[in-house]
C-alpha atoms as a PDB file:
ATOM      1  CA  UNK A   1       8.081  16.786 -10.812  1.00  0.00           C
ATOM      2  CA  UNK A   2       4.441  17.058 -10.055  1.00  0.00           C
ATOM      3  CA  UNK A   3       2.927  14.158 -11.934  1.00  0.00           C
ATOM      4  CA  UNK A   4       0.527  11.704  -9.994  1.00  0.00           C
ATOM      5  CA  UNK A   5      -0.440   8.073 -10.355  1.00  0.00           C
ATOM      6  CA  UNK A   6      -4.012   7.364 -11.107  1.00  0.00           C
ATOM      7  CA  UNK A   7      -5.735   4.303  -9.938  1.00  0.00           C
ATOM      8  CA  UNK A   8      -9.066   2.858 -10.707  1.00  0.00           C
ATOM      9  CA  UNK A   9     -10.269   1.561  -7.199  1.00  0.00           C
ATOM     10  CA  UNK A  10     -13.183  -1.167  -7.131  1.00  0.00           C
ATOM     11  CA  UNK A  11     -13.610  -2.578  -3.792  1.00  0.00           C
ATOM     12  CA  UNK A  12     -10.143  -3.883  -2.661  1.00  0.00           C
ATOM     13  CA  UNK A  13      -8.702  -3.933  -6.133  1.00  0.00           C
ATOM     14  CA  UNK A  14      -6.592  -1.196  -7.407  1.00  0.00           C
ATOM     15  CA  UNK A  15      -5.645  -1.100 -11.075  1.00  0.00           C
ATOM     16  CA  UNK A  16      -2.871   1.527 -12.592  1.00  0.00           C
ATOM     17  CA  UNK A  17      -4.598   3.657 -15.077  1.00  0.00           C
ATOM     18  CA  UNK A  18      -1.731   5.946 -15.701  1.00  0.00           C
ATOM     19  CA  UNK A  19       1.824   6.388 -14.061  1.00  0.00           C
ATOM     20  CA  UNK A  20       2.535   9.732 -14.308  1.00  0.00           C
ATOM     21  CA  UNK A  21      -0.557  11.995 -15.073  1.00  0.00           C
ATOM     22  CA  UNK A  22       0.023  15.431 -15.616  1.00  0.00           C
ATOM     23  CA  UNK A  23      -3.506  16.667 -15.979  1.00  0.00           C
ATOM     24  CA  UNK A  24      -7.057  14.883 -15.109  1.00  0.00           C
ATOM     25  CA  UNK A  25     -10.139  16.152 -16.271  1.00  0.00           C
ATOM     26  CA  UNK A  26     -13.553  15.297 -15.587  1.00  0.00           C
ATOM     27  CA  UNK A  27     -15.884  14.874 -18.729  1.00  0.00           C
ATOM     28  CA  UNK A  28     -19.131  13.791 -19.095  1.00  0.00           C
ATOM     29  CA  UNK A  29     -17.844  10.127 -20.382  1.00  0.00           C
ATOM     30  CA  UNK A  30     -15.774   9.776 -17.140  1.00  0.00           C
ATOM     31  CA  UNK A  31     -12.199  10.875 -16.453  1.00  0.00           C
ATOM     32  CA  UNK A  32      -9.509  11.868 -19.079  1.00  0.00           C
ATOM     33  CA  UNK A  33      -5.882  11.684 -17.836  1.00  0.00           C
ATOM     34  CA  UNK A  34      -3.202  13.068 -19.702  1.00  0.00           C
ATOM     35  CA  UNK A  35       0.530  12.598 -19.226  1.00  0.00           C
ATOM     36  CA  UNK A  36       3.751  15.013 -20.283  1.00  0.00           C
ATOM     37  CA  UNK A  37       4.064  13.312 -23.642  1.00  0.00           C
ATOM     38  CA  UNK A  38       0.600  13.792 -24.808  1.00  0.00           C
ATOM     39  CA  UNK A  39      -0.764  10.290 -24.060  1.00  0.00           C
ATOM     40  CA  UNK A  40      -4.525  10.259 -23.126  1.00  0.00           C
ATOM     41  CA  UNK A  41      -6.729   7.682 -21.519  1.00  0.00           C
ATOM     42  CA  UNK A  42     -10.311   7.897 -21.022  1.00  0.00           C
ATOM     43  CA  UNK A  43     -11.754   5.875 -17.973  1.00  0.00           C
ATOM     44  CA  UNK A  44     -15.299   5.789 -18.995  1.00  0.00           C
ATOM     45  CA  UNK A  45     -18.014   6.063 -16.358  1.00  0.00           C
ATOM     46  CA  UNK A  46     -15.313   6.635 -13.694  1.00  0.00           C
ATOM     47  CA  UNK A  47     -15.666   9.698 -11.037  1.00  0.00           C
ATOM     48  CA  UNK A  48     -13.023  11.350  -8.731  1.00  0.00           C
ATOM     49  CA  UNK A  49     -12.902   9.449  -5.259  1.00  0.00           C
ATOM     50  CA  UNK A  50      -9.663  11.165  -3.880  1.00  0.00           C
ATOM     51  CA  UNK A  51      -6.749  13.443  -4.871  1.00  0.00           C
ATOM     52  CA  UNK A  52      -3.880  12.844  -2.425  1.00  0.00           C
ATOM     53  CA  UNK A  53      -1.497  15.209  -3.494  1.00  0.00           C
ATOM     54  CA  UNK A  54       1.290  14.561  -0.824  1.00  0.00           C
ATOM     55  CA  UNK A  55       1.419  10.899  -2.048  1.00  0.00           C
ATOM     56  CA  UNK A  56       1.174  11.815  -5.730  1.00  0.00           C
ATOM     57  CA  UNK A  57      -1.901   9.739  -5.775  1.00  0.00           C
ATOM     58  CA  UNK A  58      -5.435  10.215  -7.602  1.00  0.00           C
ATOM     59  CA  UNK A  59      -7.928   7.699  -6.997  1.00  0.00           C
ATOM     60  CA  UNK A  60     -10.853   7.162  -9.422  1.00  0.00           C
ATOM     61  CA  UNK A  61     -14.003   4.755  -8.579  1.00  0.00           C
ATOM     62  CA  UNK A  62     -16.636   3.402 -10.971  1.00  0.00           C
ATOM     63  CA  UNK A  63     -19.707   5.959 -11.321  1.00  0.00           C
ATOM     64  CA  UNK A  64     -22.977   4.671 -10.571  1.00  0.00           C
ATOM     65  CA  UNK A  65     -25.407   3.750 -13.413  1.00  0.00           C
END
């Protein structure tokens, strides 16, 4: 499978947002994560920090503002 875990990273704290995201979209409100079953999670105010495709991890961080 090609899904990735999505984490919100703030300082040393790392919070799992979605275990197996199939799609990640940047939207004006933040970041939307979708899984293969259609579950949708919006992480308001977040921005993409890193996408590590080898580790199947996508790291988000709080946006500025």
